[in-house]
Structures are given as structure tokens and as C-alpha cells.
Amino acid sequence: MTYTQYLEKVQEDVLEGIKENQDATLKSIESFRELAAAYPTTVPAFPKLEGYPSATELIEKSFEFTHKLLDLRKDYAIKFAEIVETAQKQVLDATVRQPKSHKHN
């Protein structure tokens, strides 16, 4: 297994574990909601605030921003890595072109 394959496997396992935990949490919350709905309540419903986004809309907008931010950071990191790789290649090329002197002092 190559290093890249190992990293991909670890990442897949981590994401799968997170998804399984999220699914279990959502299932528990849904069960609680169903149980609570079966009992009458005298607590008034939380009013929708006019002019404010719903929780779902707020989450969607937050993730849109996060995706844009991650894309921006990714582009920066790739360009930075390309500059470093070019510099490394230039140093190696310069070293190959100028053989070391075999003079001894």
C-alpha cells in the first residue's frame, strides 16, 4: 500500500465513522421529537422572526461561505506548493550543472 493509498483509506474511515455517528444522533433526535409530539403541551411554539433566515437557510449560507473559503485556501496552498516545487527543481538543476570541485585545501 502506498502512502497516498494509506492516507485515502484513513480519510475514508474517518468520514465513514463521522457519518455513522451523525446518523445515530439524528435517529435519536427524531425519536425524541416523535415521542415529544405524542404528548400535548401548553408551551407556545417558537415564533418565526420576520426578516431573519430560518435555521436551514442560515446553515446553507454558512456552508456556501465555508466552501468558498476552502476553495480559496486550496488554491493558495496549491500555488504555494508549486512555487516551492519550482524552487526545489531550480536548486537541483543548479547543483547538477555545477559539479563540486575536488580540490582539497
Protein backbone atom coordinates (compact mmCIF):
# COMPACT_ATOMS: atom_id res chain seq x y z
CA MET A 1 0.00 0.00 0.00
CA THR A 2 1.40 3.38 -0.95
CA TYR A 3 1.42 6.36 1.37
CA THR A 4 -1.30 8.03 -0.74
CA GLN A 5 -3.48 4.92 -0.62
CA TYR A 6 -2.98 4.72 3.15
CA LEU A 7 -3.99 8.38 3.60
CA GLU A 8 -7.08 7.91 1.42
CA LYS A 9 -8.10 4.82 3.43
CA VAL A 10 -7.69 6.66 6.74
CA GLN A 11 -9.68 9.63 5.44
CA GLU A 12 -12.48 7.35 4.18
CA ASP A 13 -12.60 5.53 7.53
CA VAL A 14 -12.76 8.80 9.47
CA LEU A 15 -15.52 10.21 7.26
CA GLU A 16 -17.48 6.95 7.49
CA GLY A 17 -17.20 6.99 11.30
CA ILE A 18 -18.37 10.59 11.47
CA LYS A 19 -21.33 9.85 9.18
CA GLU A 20 -22.33 6.82 11.26
CA ASN A 21 -22.25 8.94 14.44
CA GLN A 22 -24.25 11.71 12.79
CA ASP A 23 -26.84 9.22 11.54
CA ALA A 24 -27.20 7.73 15.03
CA THR A 25 -27.56 11.19 16.56
CA LEU A 26 -30.19 12.23 14.01
CA LYS A 27 -32.11 9.00 14.59
CA SER A 28 -32.09 9.64 18.35
CA ILE A 29 -33.24 13.25 17.93
CA GLU A 30 -36.02 12.17 15.55
CA SER A 31 -37.19 9.51 18.04
CA PHE A 32 -37.24 12.12 20.81
CA ARG A 33 -39.19 14.52 18.57
CA GLU A 34 -41.75 11.79 17.80
CA LEU A 35 -42.07 10.94 21.49
CA ALA A 36 -42.48 14.60 22.46
CA ALA A 37 -45.11 15.11 19.73
CA ALA A 38 -47.25 12.40 21.31
CA TYR A 39 -47.74 14.49 24.46
CA PRO A 40 -49.86 17.65 24.49
CA THR A 41 -48.12 20.78 25.61
CA THR A 42 -49.09 24.20 26.81
CA VAL A 43 -45.78 25.74 25.70
CA PRO A 44 -46.35 28.10 22.79
CA ALA A 45 -44.50 27.44 19.56
CA PHE A 46 -41.36 29.47 18.98
CA PRO A 47 -42.37 32.31 16.66
CA LYS A 48 -40.63 32.85 13.32
CA LEU A 49 -38.75 36.10 13.41
CA GLU A 50 -39.59 38.16 10.36
CA GLY A 51 -36.62 39.31 8.32
CA TYR A 52 -34.31 36.61 9.68
CA PRO A 53 -33.36 33.43 7.86
CA SER A 54 -34.60 30.08 9.04
CA ALA A 55 -32.13 27.74 10.69
CA THR A 56 -31.89 25.74 7.45
CA GLU A 57 -31.27 28.87 5.37
CA LEU A 58 -28.61 30.03 7.82
CA ILE A 59 -26.84 26.66 7.65
CA GLU A 60 -26.96 26.65 3.82
CA LYS A 61 -25.47 30.16 3.65
CA SER A 62 -22.79 29.28 6.21
CA PHE A 63 -21.73 26.22 4.23
CA GLU A 64 -21.73 28.17 0.95
CA PHE A 65 -19.26 30.57 2.56
CA THR A 66 -17.23 27.70 4.00
CA HIS A 67 -16.95 26.04 0.57
CA LYS A 68 -15.77 29.32 -0.96
CA LEU A 69 -13.25 29.77 1.84
CA LEU A 70 -11.93 26.21 1.47
CA ASP A 71 -11.62 26.63 -2.31
CA LEU A 72 -9.69 29.85 -1.77
CA ARG A 73 -7.36 28.19 0.77
CA LYS A 74 -6.88 25.17 -1.51
CA ASP A 75 -5.92 27.38 -4.47
CA TYR A 76 -3.45 29.26 -2.26
CA ALA A 77 -1.91 26.06 -0.88
CA ILE A 78 -1.52 24.55 -4.36
CA LYS A 79 0.11 27.70 -5.73
CA PHE A 80 2.42 27.84 -2.69
CA ALA A 81 3.40 24.19 -3.20
CA GLU A 82 4.04 24.81 -6.91
CA ILE A 83 6.38 27.69 -6.06
CA VAL A 84 8.28 25.52 -3.58
CA GLU A 85 8.50 22.65 -6.07
CA THR A 86 9.84 25.01 -8.74
CA ALA A 87 12.43 26.38 -6.31
CA GLN A 88 13.49 22.85 -5.37
CA LYS A 89 13.87 21.93 -9.05
CA GLN A 90 15.93 25.08 -9.70
CA VAL A 91 18.28 24.24 -6.82
CA LEU A 92 18.67 20.66 -8.05
CA ASP A 93 19.28 21.81 -11.63
CA ALA A 94 21.88 24.34 -10.47
CA THR A 95 23.61 21.67 -8.39
CA VAL A 96 23.76 19.26 -11.33
CA ARG A 97 25.14 21.94 -13.69
CA GLN A 98 27.93 22.97 -11.32
CA PRO A 99 29.84 19.87 -10.28
CA LYS A 100 31.61 20.03 -6.97
CA SER A 101 35.28 20.89 -7.01
CA HIS A 102 37.59 18.11 -5.99
CA LYS A 103 40.30 20.44 -4.66
CA HIS A 104 41.47 19.82 -1.13
CA ASN A 105 42.94 22.57 0.99
